[in-house]
Amino acid sequence: KKIYETLTAKLNEFNSVEYYYLLNSWFEKEQYDDVNKYINSVGCKYFIEQIDLKDLGIV
């Protein structure tokens, strides 16, 4: 996400980058909690199995 924000920062003043991870149910296991925490810590969102269209601003 940081790289894309840097690359597109000068395009316009309303630039916004959102980065989503689509994970399978394997990542619901407690042993992968660190992956989920990392994704959140870098300002990204993750979804398990499907992305809610409301989160994409489509619906």
PDB file of N, CA and C in Angstrom:
ATOM      1  N   LYS A   1       0.828  -1.185   0.000  1.00  0.00           N
ATOM      2  CA  LYS A   1       0.000   0.000   0.000  1.00  0.00           C
ATOM      3  C   LYS A   1       0.874   1.252   0.000  1.00  0.00           C
ATOM      4  N   LYS A   2       1.915   1.261   0.802  1.00  0.00           N
ATOM      5  CA  LYS A   2       2.768   2.445   0.891  1.00  0.00           C
ATOM      6  C   LYS A   2       3.421   2.768  -0.449  1.00  0.00           C
ATOM      7  N   ILE A   3       3.826   1.745  -1.173  1.00  0.00           N
ATOM      8  CA  ILE A   3       4.463   1.963  -2.472  1.00  0.00           C
ATOM      9  C   ILE A   3       3.481   2.591  -3.445  1.00  0.00           C
ATOM     10  N   TYR A   4       2.252   2.080  -3.495  1.00  0.00           N
ATOM     11  CA  TYR A   4       1.244   2.639  -4.398  1.00  0.00           C
ATOM     12  C   TYR A   4       0.885   4.065  -4.014  1.00  0.00           C
ATOM     13  N   GLU A   5       0.828   4.351  -2.714  1.00  0.00           N
ATOM     14  CA  GLU A   5       0.546   5.718  -2.274  1.00  0.00           C
ATOM     15  C   GLU A   5       1.654   6.660  -2.724  1.00  0.00           C
ATOM     16  N   THR A   6       2.883   6.216  -2.614  1.00  0.00           N
ATOM     17  CA  THR A   6       4.018   7.035  -3.038  1.00  0.00           C
ATOM     18  C   THR A   6       4.007   7.252  -4.546  1.00  0.00           C
ATOM     19  N   LEU A   7       3.744   6.199  -5.301  1.00  0.00           N
ATOM     20  CA  LEU A   7       3.744   6.303  -6.759  1.00  0.00           C
ATOM     21  C   LEU A   7       2.640   7.207  -7.293  1.00  0.00           C
ATOM     22  N   THR A   8       1.512   7.240  -6.616  1.00  0.00           N
ATOM     23  CA  THR A   8       0.370   8.003  -7.126  1.00  0.00           C
ATOM     24  C   THR A   8       0.145   9.321  -6.397  1.00  0.00           C
ATOM     25  N   ALA A   9       0.985   9.665  -5.450  1.00  0.00           N
ATOM     26  CA  ALA A   9       0.784  10.844  -4.609  1.00  0.00           C
ATOM     27  C   ALA A   9       0.699  12.140  -5.402  1.00  0.00           C
ATOM     28  N   LYS A  10       1.426  12.251  -6.476  1.00  0.00           N
ATOM     29  CA  LYS A  10       1.462  13.507  -7.228  1.00  0.00           C
ATOM     30  C   LYS A  10       0.411  13.581  -8.332  1.00  0.00           C
ATOM     31  N   LEU A  11      -0.428  12.566  -8.457  1.00  0.00           N
ATOM     32  CA  LEU A  11      -1.440  12.572  -9.515  1.00  0.00           C
ATOM     33  C   LEU A  11      -2.518  13.610  -9.266  1.00  0.00           C
ATOM     34  N   ASN A  12      -3.004  13.688  -8.051  1.00  0.00           N
ATOM     35  CA  ASN A  12      -3.963  14.724  -7.684  1.00  0.00           C
ATOM     36  C   ASN A  12      -4.062  14.813  -6.172  1.00  0.00           C
ATOM     37  N   GLU A  13      -4.678  15.864  -5.693  1.00  0.00           N
ATOM     38  CA  GLU A  13      -4.732  16.086  -4.251  1.00  0.00           C
ATOM     39  C   GLU A  13      -5.728  15.179  -3.534  1.00  0.00           C
ATOM     40  N   PHE A  14      -6.605  14.522  -4.278  1.00  0.00           N
ATOM     41  CA  PHE A  14      -7.599  13.654  -3.665  1.00  0.00           C
ATOM     42  C   PHE A  14      -7.238  12.179  -3.813  1.00  0.00           C
ATOM     43  N   ASN A  15      -5.985  11.916  -3.983  1.00  0.00           N
ATOM     44  CA  ASN A  15      -5.502  10.555  -4.167  1.00  0.00           C
ATOM     45  C   ASN A  15      -5.801   9.698  -2.937  1.00  0.00           C
ATOM     46  N   SER A  16      -6.266   8.509  -3.182  1.00  0.00           N
ATOM     47  CA  SER A  16      -6.541   7.573  -2.098  1.00  0.00           C
ATOM     48  C   SER A  16      -6.263   6.157  -2.595  1.00  0.00           C
ATOM     49  N   VAL A  17      -5.513   5.416  -1.820  1.00  0.00           N
ATOM     50  CA  VAL A  17      -5.195   4.039  -2.177  1.00  0.00           C
ATOM     51  C   VAL A  17      -5.764   3.123  -1.104  1.00  0.00           C
ATOM     52  N   GLU A  18      -6.512   2.146  -1.527  1.00  0.00           N
ATOM     53  CA  GLU A  18      -7.023   1.119  -0.621  1.00  0.00           C
ATOM     54  C   GLU A  18      -6.484  -0.217  -1.114  1.00  0.00           C
ATOM     55  N   TYR A  19      -6.005  -1.008  -0.205  1.00  0.00           N
ATOM     56  CA  TYR A  19      -5.426  -2.297  -0.552  1.00  0.00           C
ATOM     57  C   TYR A  19      -6.154  -3.362   0.258  1.00  0.00           C
ATOM     58  N   TYR A  20      -6.712  -4.337  -0.422  1.00  0.00           N
ATOM     59  CA  TYR A  20      -7.479  -5.396   0.226  1.00  0.00           C
ATOM     60  C   TYR A  20      -6.813  -6.746  -0.007  1.00  0.00           C
ATOM     61  N   TYR A  21      -6.881  -7.570   1.005  1.00  0.00           N
ATOM     62  CA  TYR A  21      -6.430  -8.950   0.891  1.00  0.00           C
ATOM     63  C   TYR A  21      -7.659  -9.844   0.918  1.00  0.00           C
ATOM     64  N   LEU A  22      -7.745 -10.743  -0.019  1.00  0.00           N
ATOM     65  CA  LEU A  22      -8.807 -11.740  -0.036  1.00  0.00           C
ATOM     66  C   LEU A  22      -8.175 -13.078   0.345  1.00  0.00           C
ATOM     67  N   LEU A  23      -8.479 -13.538   1.539  1.00  0.00           N
ATOM     68  CA  LEU A  23      -7.876 -14.746   2.083  1.00  0.00           C
ATOM     69  C   LEU A  23      -8.889 -15.880   2.104  1.00  0.00           C
ATOM     70  N   ASN A  24      -8.388 -17.094   2.091  1.00  0.00           N
ATOM     71  CA  ASN A  24      -9.311 -18.222   2.227  1.00  0.00           C
ATOM     72  C   ASN A  24      -9.497 -18.550   3.708  1.00  0.00           C
ATOM     73  N   SER A  25     -10.367 -19.478   3.991  1.00  0.00           N
ATOM     74  CA  SER A  25     -10.724 -19.795   5.376  1.00  0.00           C
ATOM     75  C   SER A  25      -9.545 -20.331   6.196  1.00  0.00           C
ATOM     76  N   TRP A  26      -8.498 -20.725   5.533  1.00  0.00           N
ATOM     77  CA  TRP A  26      -7.296 -21.199   6.222  1.00  0.00           C
ATOM     78  C   TRP A  26      -6.789 -20.137   7.201  1.00  0.00           C
ATOM     79  N   PHE A  27      -6.936 -18.876   6.859  1.00  0.00           N
ATOM     80  CA  PHE A  27      -6.412 -17.781   7.669  1.00  0.00           C
ATOM     81  C   PHE A  27      -7.313 -17.419   8.847  1.00  0.00           C
ATOM     82  N   GLU A  28      -8.406 -18.148   9.028  1.00  0.00           N
ATOM     83  CA  GLU A  28      -9.239 -17.972  10.220  1.00  0.00           C
ATOM     84  C   GLU A  28      -8.660 -18.715  11.419  1.00  0.00           C
ATOM     85  N   LYS A  29      -7.697 -19.579  11.156  1.00  0.00           N
ATOM     86  CA  LYS A  29      -7.068 -20.342  12.234  1.00  0.00           C
ATOM     87  C   LYS A  29      -6.269 -19.403  13.137  1.00  0.00           C
ATOM     88  N   GLU A  30      -6.280 -19.703  14.411  1.00  0.00           N
ATOM     89  CA  GLU A  30      -5.600 -18.864  15.398  1.00  0.00           C
ATOM     90  C   GLU A  30      -4.103 -18.727  15.113  1.00  0.00           C
ATOM     91  N   GLN A  31      -3.501 -19.752  14.544  1.00  0.00           N
ATOM     92  CA  GLN A  31      -2.060 -19.709  14.279  1.00  0.00           C
ATOM     93  C   GLN A  31      -1.687 -18.642  13.247  1.00  0.00           C
ATOM     94  N   TYR A  32      -2.662 -18.137  12.485  1.00  0.00           N
ATOM     95  CA  TYR A  32      -2.396 -17.102  11.489  1.00  0.00           C
ATOM     96  C   TYR A  32      -2.854 -15.726  11.946  1.00  0.00           C
ATOM     97  N   ASP A  33      -3.112 -15.587  13.238  1.00  0.00           N
ATOM     98  CA  ASP A  33      -3.544 -14.307  13.784  1.00  0.00           C
ATOM     99  C   ASP A  33      -2.510 -13.210  13.529  1.00  0.00           C
ATOM    100  N   ASP A  34      -1.227 -13.580  13.505  1.00  0.00           N
ATOM    101  CA  ASP A  34      -0.185 -12.587  13.245  1.00  0.00           C
ATOM    102  C   ASP A  34      -0.296 -12.009  11.836  1.00  0.00           C
ATOM    103  N   VAL A  35      -0.743 -12.799  10.883  1.00  0.00           N
ATOM    104  CA  VAL A  35      -0.943 -12.314   9.512  1.00  0.00           C
ATOM    105  C   VAL A  35      -2.047 -11.269   9.502  1.00  0.00           C
ATOM    106  N   ASN A  36      -3.144 -11.569  10.168  1.00  0.00           N
ATOM    107  CA  ASN A  36      -4.261 -10.635  10.232  1.00  0.00           C
ATOM    108  C   ASN A  36      -3.866  -9.341  10.942  1.00  0.00           C
ATOM    109  N   LYS A  37      -3.096  -9.459  12.014  1.00  0.00           N
ATOM    110  CA  LYS A  37      -2.627  -8.272  12.738  1.00  0.00           C
ATOM    111  C   LYS A  37      -1.704  -7.437  11.859  1.00  0.00           C
ATOM    112  N   TYR A  38      -0.838  -8.086  11.106  1.00  0.00           N
ATOM    113  CA  TYR A  38       0.063  -7.356  10.213  1.00  0.00           C
ATOM    114  C   TYR A  38      -0.723  -6.583   9.158  1.00  0.00           C
ATOM    115  N   ILE A  39      -1.682  -7.229   8.535  1.00  0.00           N
ATOM    116  CA  ILE A  39      -2.479  -6.574   7.496  1.00  0.00           C
ATOM    117  C   ILE A  39      -3.147  -5.329   8.065  1.00  0.00           C
ATOM    118  N   ASN A  40      -3.716  -5.438   9.253  1.00  0.00           N
ATOM    119  CA  ASN A  40      -4.335  -4.281   9.897  1.00  0.00           C
ATOM    120  C   ASN A  40      -3.307  -3.211  10.247  1.00  0.00           C
ATOM    121  N   SER A  41      -2.125  -3.613  10.690  1.00  0.00           N
ATOM    122  CA  SER A  41      -1.109  -2.655  11.129  1.00  0.00           C
ATOM    123  C   SER A  41      -0.569  -1.792   9.993  1.00  0.00           C
ATOM    124  N   VAL A  42      -0.635  -2.285   8.763  1.00  0.00           N
ATOM    125  CA  VAL A  42      -0.150  -1.497   7.626  1.00  0.00           C
ATOM    126  C   VAL A  42      -1.287  -0.732   6.946  1.00  0.00           C
ATOM    127  N   GLY A  43      -2.447  -0.694   7.600  1.00  0.00           N
ATOM    128  CA  GLY A  43      -3.557   0.105   7.099  1.00  0.00           C
ATOM    129  C   GLY A  43      -4.357  -0.532   5.985  1.00  0.00           C
ATOM    130  N   CYS A  44      -4.316  -1.842   5.899  1.00  0.00           N
ATOM    131  CA  CYS A  44      -5.071  -2.554   4.870  1.00  0.00           C
ATOM    132  C   CYS A  44      -6.227  -3.311   5.515  1.00  0.00           C
ATOM    133  N   LYS A  45      -7.106  -3.787   4.672  1.00  0.00           N
ATOM    134  CA  LYS A  45      -8.229  -4.603   5.133  1.00  0.00           C
ATOM    135  C   LYS A  45      -8.081  -5.999   4.546  1.00  0.00           C
ATOM    136  N   TYR A  46      -8.641  -6.965   5.246  1.00  0.00           N
ATOM    137  CA  TYR A  46      -8.664  -8.321   4.702  1.00  0.00           C
ATOM    138  C   TYR A  46     -10.064  -8.894   4.832  1.00  0.00           C
ATOM    139  N   PHE A  47     -10.360  -9.808   3.943  1.00  0.00           N
ATOM    140  CA  PHE A  47     -11.641 -10.490   3.927  1.00  0.00           C
ATOM    141  C   PHE A  47     -11.380 -11.981   3.800  1.00  0.00           C
ATOM    142  N   ILE A  48     -12.290 -12.752   4.361  1.00  0.00           N
ATOM    143  CA  ILE A  48     -12.191 -14.203   4.276  1.00  0.00           C
ATOM    144  C   ILE A  48     -13.228 -14.693   3.270  1.00  0.00           C
ATOM    145  N   GLU A  49     -12.762 -15.333   2.222  1.00  0.00           N
ATOM    146  CA  GLU A  49     -13.577 -15.977   1.180  1.00  0.00           C
ATOM    147  C   GLU A  49     -14.295 -15.024   0.219  1.00  0.00           C
ATOM    148  N   GLN A  50     -14.767 -13.879   0.688  1.00  0.00           N
ATOM    149  CA  GLN A  50     -15.455 -12.957  -0.220  1.00  0.00           C
ATOM    150  C   GLN A  50     -15.335 -11.528   0.297  1.00  0.00           C
ATOM    151  N   ILE A  51     -15.443 -10.584  -0.614  1.00  0.00           N
ATOM    152  CA  ILE A  51     -15.385  -9.169  -0.258  1.00  0.00           C
ATOM    153  C   ILE A  51     -16.797  -8.605  -0.315  1.00  0.00           C
ATOM    154  N   ASP A  52     -17.189  -7.937   0.746  1.00  0.00           N
ATOM    155  CA  ASP A  52     -18.495  -7.291   0.794  1.00  0.00           C
ATOM    156  C   ASP A  52     -18.474  -6.077  -0.136  1.00  0.00           C
ATOM    157  N   LEU A  53     -19.394  -6.017  -1.070  1.00  0.00           N
ATOM    158  CA  LEU A  53     -19.421  -4.935  -2.050  1.00  0.00           C
ATOM    159  C   LEU A  53     -19.608  -3.567  -1.406  1.00  0.00           C
ATOM    160  N   LYS A  54     -20.213  -3.512  -0.241  1.00  0.00           N
ATOM    161  CA  LYS A  54     -20.364  -2.238   0.469  1.00  0.00           C
ATOM    162  C   LYS A  54     -19.001  -1.665   0.838  1.00  0.00           C
ATOM    163  N   ASP A  55     -18.059  -2.526   1.183  1.00  0.00           N
ATOM    164  CA  ASP A  55     -16.712  -2.074   1.531  1.00  0.00           C
ATOM    165  C   ASP A  55     -15.965  -1.511   0.332  1.00  0.00           C
ATOM    166  N   LEU A  56     -16.358  -1.915  -0.854  1.00  0.00           N
ATOM    167  CA  LEU A  56     -15.743  -1.392  -2.074  1.00  0.00           C
ATOM    168  C   LEU A  56     -16.457  -0.143  -2.577  1.00  0.00           C
ATOM    169  N   GLY A  57     -17.576   0.202  -1.943  1.00  0.00           N
ATOM    170  CA  GLY A  57     -18.340   1.368  -2.367  1.00  0.00           C
ATOM    171  C   GLY A  57     -19.170   1.129  -3.609  1.00  0.00           C
ATOM    172  N   ILE A  58     -19.426  -0.120  -3.921  1.00  0.00           N
ATOM    173  CA  ILE A  58     -20.183  -0.462  -5.127  1.00  0.00           C
ATOM    174  C   ILE A  58     -21.682  -0.481  -4.842  1.00  0.00           C
ATOM    175  N   VAL A  59     -22.068  -0.887  -3.653  1.00  0.00           N
ATOM    176  CA  VAL A  59     -23.493  -0.979  -3.289  1.00  0.00           C
ATOM    177  C   VAL A  59     -23.815   0.081  -2.275  1.00  0.00           C
TER     178      VAL A  59
END
